[in-house]
């Protein structure tokens, strides 16, 4: 099983949105039996809460399913995860600092780095304090990075299957 975890600040806006979108993309690619998709937050402020109602609304309007409870990312998770996807540069820095080893830190990547059309900065802006349009923009950015991320996961799965000489 290849495990991907998306991480934002509170795990109620961006990361659950990325989790739902990528889970759908993984399923459409026929990889849901070999790829596990999850999400978490760098902080525990919203632990146990569902996704922000605006996130739920944007996802449902776009045809994505979600059933989410917020939780905080833990350093111990690095051992079982293959890829930790940060939604902005602050999360990237925090997660790499939290990583117990250089190998664990190397698992942390920015989501928009997988979008070849993305311009710097590669952050997915936090829509929490803004309008509904910010959530729609977040969905657009998350979707745009999905194909590149999916290809990276496919490559990693192929490499796992190949015997080492």
C-alpha atoms as a PDB file:
ATOM      1  CA  UNK A   1       0.000   0.000   0.000  1.00  0.00           C
ATOM      2  CA  UNK A   2       1.274   3.471  -0.937  1.00  0.00           C
ATOM      3  CA  UNK A   3       0.174   6.116   1.586  1.00  0.00           C
ATOM      4  CA  UNK A   4      -0.308   9.830   0.862  1.00  0.00           C
ATOM      5  CA  UNK A   5      -1.284  12.385   3.516  1.00  0.00           C
ATOM      6  CA  UNK A   6      -2.246  15.984   2.704  1.00  0.00           C
ATOM      7  CA  UNK A   7      -1.485  18.542   5.403  1.00  0.00           C
ATOM      8  CA  UNK A   8      -2.725  22.110   5.949  1.00  0.00           C
ATOM      9  CA  UNK A   9      -3.103  24.197   9.101  1.00  0.00           C
ATOM     10  CA  UNK A  10      -6.269  22.988  10.835  1.00  0.00           C
ATOM     11  CA  UNK A  11      -7.346  20.108   8.565  1.00  0.00           C
ATOM     12  CA  UNK A  12     -10.761  21.612   7.819  1.00  0.00           C
ATOM     13  CA  UNK A  13     -10.300  23.456   4.492  1.00  0.00           C
ATOM     14  CA  UNK A  14      -7.443  22.749   2.121  1.00  0.00           C
ATOM     15  CA  UNK A  15      -6.202  19.308   3.160  1.00  0.00           C
ATOM     16  CA  UNK A  16      -9.628  17.626   3.342  1.00  0.00           C
ATOM     17  CA  UNK A  17     -10.395  19.155  -0.054  1.00  0.00           C
ATOM     18  CA  UNK A  18      -7.141  17.772  -1.478  1.00  0.00           C
ATOM     19  CA  UNK A  19      -7.844  14.410   0.166  1.00  0.00           C
ATOM     20  CA  UNK A  20     -11.311  14.145  -1.428  1.00  0.00           C
ATOM     21  CA  UNK A  21     -10.145  15.252  -4.869  1.00  0.00           C
ATOM     22  CA  UNK A  22      -7.082  13.010  -4.923  1.00  0.00           C
ATOM     23  CA  UNK A  23      -9.017  10.018  -3.552  1.00  0.00           C
ATOM     24  CA  UNK A  24     -11.424  10.451  -6.482  1.00  0.00           C
ATOM     25  CA  UNK A  25      -8.521  10.703  -8.951  1.00  0.00           C
ATOM     26  CA  UNK A  26      -6.919   7.577  -7.461  1.00  0.00           C
ATOM     27  CA  UNK A  27     -10.231   5.725  -7.740  1.00  0.00           C
ATOM     28  CA  UNK A  28     -10.762   6.862 -11.341  1.00  0.00           C
ATOM     29  CA  UNK A  29      -7.270   5.549 -12.138  1.00  0.00           C
ATOM     30  CA  UNK A  30      -8.159   2.169 -10.631  1.00  0.00           C
ATOM     31  CA  UNK A  31      -5.531   2.486  -7.912  1.00  0.00           C
ATOM     32  CA  UNK A  32      -7.703   2.634  -4.799  1.00  0.00           C
ATOM     33  CA  UNK A  33      -6.640  -0.896  -3.835  1.00  0.00           C
ATOM     34  CA  UNK A  34      -2.949   0.157  -3.690  1.00  0.00           C
ATOM     35  CA  UNK A  35      -3.076   3.866  -2.717  1.00  0.00           C
ATOM     36  CA  UNK A  36      -4.384   5.161   0.602  1.00  0.00           C
ATOM     37  CA  UNK A  37      -5.242   8.876   0.846  1.00  0.00           C
ATOM     38  CA  UNK A  38      -5.569  10.796   4.098  1.00  0.00           C
ATOM     39  CA  UNK A  39      -5.209  14.297   5.560  1.00  0.00           C
ATOM     40  CA  UNK A  40      -4.245  16.108   8.745  1.00  0.00           C
ATOM     41  CA  UNK A  41      -3.401  19.544  10.135  1.00  0.00           C
ATOM     42  CA  UNK A  42      -0.206  20.963  11.570  1.00  0.00           C
ATOM     43  CA  UNK A  43      -2.251  22.083  14.582  1.00  0.00           C
ATOM     44  CA  UNK A  44      -4.955  20.443  16.647  1.00  0.00           C
ATOM     45  CA  UNK A  45      -7.392  23.365  16.956  1.00  0.00           C
ATOM     46  CA  UNK A  46     -10.164  21.583  15.068  1.00  0.00           C
ATOM     47  CA  UNK A  47      -9.496  17.947  16.035  1.00  0.00           C
ATOM     48  CA  UNK A  48     -12.682  15.921  15.719  1.00  0.00           C
ATOM     49  CA  UNK A  49     -14.498  18.595  13.693  1.00  0.00           C
ATOM     50  CA  UNK A  50     -15.867  18.011  10.225  1.00  0.00           C
ATOM     51  CA  UNK A  51     -14.604  19.952   7.230  1.00  0.00           C
ATOM     52  CA  UNK A  52     -15.510  23.635   6.976  1.00  0.00           C
ATOM     53  CA  UNK A  53     -19.068  23.926   5.555  1.00  0.00           C
ATOM     54  CA  UNK A  54     -17.707  25.935   2.610  1.00  0.00           C
ATOM     55  CA  UNK A  55     -15.271  23.118   1.804  1.00  0.00           C
ATOM     56  CA  UNK A  56     -18.121  20.605   1.956  1.00  0.00           C
ATOM     57  CA  UNK A  57     -20.290  22.813  -0.271  1.00  0.00           C
ATOM     58  CA  UNK A  58     -17.574  23.320  -2.913  1.00  0.00           C
ATOM     59  CA  UNK A  59     -16.746  19.610  -2.943  1.00  0.00           C
ATOM     60  CA  UNK A  60     -20.387  18.521  -3.207  1.00  0.00           C
ATOM     61  CA  UNK A  61     -21.067  21.041  -5.992  1.00  0.00           C
ATOM     62  CA  UNK A  62     -18.153  19.543  -7.931  1.00  0.00           C
ATOM     63  CA  UNK A  63     -19.343  15.969  -7.341  1.00  0.00           C
ATOM     64  CA  UNK A  64     -16.764  14.895  -4.749  1.00  0.00           C
ATOM     65  CA  UNK A  65     -17.609  12.791  -1.723  1.00  0.00           C
ATOM     66  CA  UNK A  66     -16.173  13.528   1.691  1.00  0.00           C
ATOM     67  CA  UNK A  67     -16.556  12.183   5.174  1.00  0.00           C
ATOM     68  CA  UNK A  68     -14.001  13.951   7.277  1.00  0.00           C
ATOM     69  CA  UNK A  69     -12.895  14.432  10.876  1.00  0.00           C
ATOM     70  CA  UNK A  70      -9.988  16.782  11.532  1.00  0.00           C
ATOM     71  CA  UNK A  71      -6.866  15.567  13.267  1.00  0.00           C
ATOM     72  CA  UNK A  72      -3.343  16.743  13.928  1.00  0.00           C
ATOM     73  CA  UNK A  73      -0.330  15.337  12.080  1.00  0.00           C
ATOM     74  CA  UNK A  74       2.084  13.413  14.300  1.00  0.00           C
ATOM     75  CA  UNK A  75       5.819  12.882  13.753  1.00  0.00           C
ATOM     76  CA  UNK A  76       5.331   9.139  14.339  1.00  0.00           C
ATOM     77  CA  UNK A  77       3.263   8.957  11.133  1.00  0.00           C
ATOM     78  CA  UNK A  78       6.303   9.483   8.920  1.00  0.00           C
ATOM     79  CA  UNK A  79       7.230   5.804   9.315  1.00  0.00           C
ATOM     80  CA  UNK A  80       4.019   4.595   7.676  1.00  0.00           C
ATOM     81  CA  UNK A  81       3.615   7.331   5.044  1.00  0.00           C
ATOM     82  CA  UNK A  82       5.226   7.390   1.612  1.00  0.00           C
ATOM     83  CA  UNK A  83       4.395  10.983   0.738  1.00  0.00           C
ATOM     84  CA  UNK A  84       3.365  13.955   2.891  1.00  0.00           C
ATOM     85  CA  UNK A  85       1.851  16.734   0.782  1.00  0.00           C
ATOM     86  CA  UNK A  86       2.035  20.255   2.238  1.00  0.00           C
ATOM     87  CA  UNK A  87      -0.457  22.838   1.012  1.00  0.00           C
ATOM     88  CA  UNK A  88       1.844  25.833   1.506  1.00  0.00           C
ATOM     89  CA  UNK A  89       5.457  26.734   2.265  1.00  0.00           C
ATOM     90  CA  UNK A  90       4.725  27.199   5.985  1.00  0.00           C
ATOM     91  CA  UNK A  91       3.387  23.654   6.233  1.00  0.00           C
ATOM     92  CA  UNK A  92       6.366  22.385   4.245  1.00  0.00           C
ATOM     93  CA  UNK A  93       8.768  24.027   6.710  1.00  0.00           C
ATOM     94  CA  UNK A  94       6.814  22.859   9.788  1.00  0.00           C
ATOM     95  CA  UNK A  95       6.574  19.277   8.556  1.00  0.00           C
ATOM     96  CA  UNK A  96      10.239  19.058   7.607  1.00  0.00           C
ATOM     97  CA  UNK A  97      11.138  20.425  11.052  1.00  0.00           C
ATOM     98  CA  UNK A  98       8.872  17.813  12.667  1.00  0.00           C
ATOM     99  CA  UNK A  99      10.414  14.973  10.641  1.00  0.00           C
ATOM    100  CA  UNK A 100      12.580  12.727  12.835  1.00  0.00           C
ATOM    101  CA  UNK A 101      15.113  11.920  10.072  1.00  0.00           C
ATOM    102  CA  UNK A 102      16.365  13.402   6.798  1.00  0.00           C
ATOM    103  CA  UNK A 103      14.629  10.506   5.002  1.00  0.00           C
ATOM    104  CA  UNK A 104      11.321  11.445   6.612  1.00  0.00           C
ATOM    105  CA  UNK A 105      11.826  15.125   5.712  1.00  0.00           C
ATOM    106  CA  UNK A 106      12.413  14.086   2.081  1.00  0.00           C
ATOM    107  CA  UNK A 107       8.867  12.659   1.980  1.00  0.00           C
ATOM    108  CA  UNK A 108       7.388  16.161   2.377  1.00  0.00           C
ATOM    109  CA  UNK A 109       6.503  17.954  -0.855  1.00  0.00           C
ATOM    110  CA  UNK A 110       4.415  20.951  -1.900  1.00  0.00           C
ATOM    111  CA  UNK A 111       1.181  20.035  -3.686  1.00  0.00           C
ATOM    112  CA  UNK A 112       1.479  22.666  -6.403  1.00  0.00           C
ATOM    113  CA  UNK A 113       4.976  21.435  -7.290  1.00  0.00           C
ATOM    114  CA  UNK A 114       3.060  18.711  -9.160  1.00  0.00           C
ATOM    115  CA  UNK A 115       1.279  21.273 -11.375  1.00  0.00           C
ATOM    116  CA  UNK A 116       3.546  22.072 -14.346  1.00  0.00           C
ATOM    117  CA  UNK A 117       1.557  25.258 -15.059  1.00  0.00           C
ATOM    118  CA  UNK A 118       1.872  26.607 -11.496  1.00  0.00           C
ATOM    119  CA  UNK A 119       3.629  29.906 -10.968  1.00  0.00           C
ATOM    120  CA  UNK A 120       5.547  30.773  -7.817  1.00  0.00           C
ATOM    121  CA  UNK A 121       4.694  30.954  -5.055  1.00  0.00           C
ATOM    122  CA  UNK A 122       3.454  27.372  -5.006  1.00  0.00           C
ATOM    123  CA  UNK A 123       1.119  27.850  -2.036  1.00  0.00           C
ATOM    124  CA  UNK A 124      -2.552  26.950  -2.063  1.00  0.00           C
ATOM    125  CA  UNK A 125      -3.869  30.080  -0.290  1.00  0.00           C
ATOM    126  CA  UNK A 126      -5.821  29.518   2.914  1.00  0.00           C
ATOM    127  CA  UNK A 127      -9.477  30.305   2.132  1.00  0.00           C
ATOM    128  CA  UNK A 128     -10.649  30.167   5.765  1.00  0.00           C
ATOM    129  CA  UNK A 129     -10.903  33.911   6.423  1.00  0.00           C
ATOM    130  CA  UNK A 130     -12.128  34.809   2.950  1.00  0.00           C
ATOM    131  CA  UNK A 131     -15.165  34.371   0.769  1.00  0.00           C
ATOM    132  CA  UNK A 132     -16.682  31.316  -0.872  1.00  0.00           C
ATOM    133  CA  UNK A 133     -14.734  32.182  -4.037  1.00  0.00           C
ATOM    134  CA  UNK A 134     -11.524  31.430  -2.154  1.00  0.00           C
ATOM    135  CA  UNK A 135     -12.730  27.868  -1.629  1.00  0.00           C
ATOM    136  CA  UNK A 136     -13.549  27.557  -5.324  1.00  0.00           C
ATOM    137  CA  UNK A 137     -10.041  28.810  -6.163  1.00  0.00           C
ATOM    138  CA  UNK A 138      -8.589  26.294  -3.707  1.00  0.00           C
ATOM    139  CA  UNK A 139     -10.454  23.493  -5.494  1.00  0.00           C
ATOM    140  CA  UNK A 140      -9.147  24.690  -8.855  1.00  0.00           C
ATOM    141  CA  UNK A 141      -5.529  24.663  -7.614  1.00  0.00           C
ATOM    142  CA  UNK A 142      -5.909  21.265  -5.949  1.00  0.00           C
ATOM    143  CA  UNK A 143      -7.420  19.729  -9.085  1.00  0.00           C
ATOM    144  CA  UNK A 144      -4.669  21.161 -11.302  1.00  0.00           C
ATOM    145  CA  UNK A 145      -1.950  19.433  -9.263  1.00  0.00           C
ATOM    146  CA  UNK A 146      -3.737  16.076  -9.179  1.00  0.00           C
ATOM    147  CA  UNK A 147      -2.608  14.602 -12.521  1.00  0.00           C
ATOM    148  CA  UNK A 148       1.055  15.332 -11.799  1.00  0.00           C
ATOM    149  CA  UNK A 149       0.794  13.908  -8.300  1.00  0.00           C
ATOM    150  CA  UNK A 150      -0.997  10.837  -9.616  1.00  0.00           C
ATOM    151  CA  UNK A 151       1.787  10.280 -12.157  1.00  0.00           C
ATOM    152  CA  UNK A 152       4.410  10.597  -9.401  1.00  0.00           C
ATOM    153  CA  UNK A 153       2.533   8.003  -7.325  1.00  0.00           C
ATOM    154  CA  UNK A 154       2.287   5.672 -10.346  1.00  0.00           C
ATOM    155  CA  UNK A 155       6.046   6.010 -10.864  1.00  0.00           C
ATOM    156  CA  UNK A 156       6.701   5.240  -7.196  1.00  0.00           C
ATOM    157  CA  UNK A 157       4.426   2.185  -7.377  1.00  0.00           C
ATOM    158  CA  UNK A 158       6.311   0.893 -10.438  1.00  0.00           C
ATOM    159  CA  UNK A 159       9.624   1.417  -8.635  1.00  0.00           C
ATOM    160  CA  UNK A 160       8.330  -0.514  -5.604  1.00  0.00           C
ATOM    161  CA  UNK A 161       7.484  -3.477  -7.853  1.00  0.00           C
ATOM    162  CA  UNK A 162      10.814  -3.590  -9.669  1.00  0.00           C
ATOM    163  CA  UNK A 163      13.318  -5.960  -8.116  1.00  0.00           C
ATOM    164  CA  UNK A 164      16.545  -4.353  -7.009  1.00  0.00           C
ATOM    165  CA  UNK A 165      19.623  -5.762  -8.809  1.00  0.00           C
END
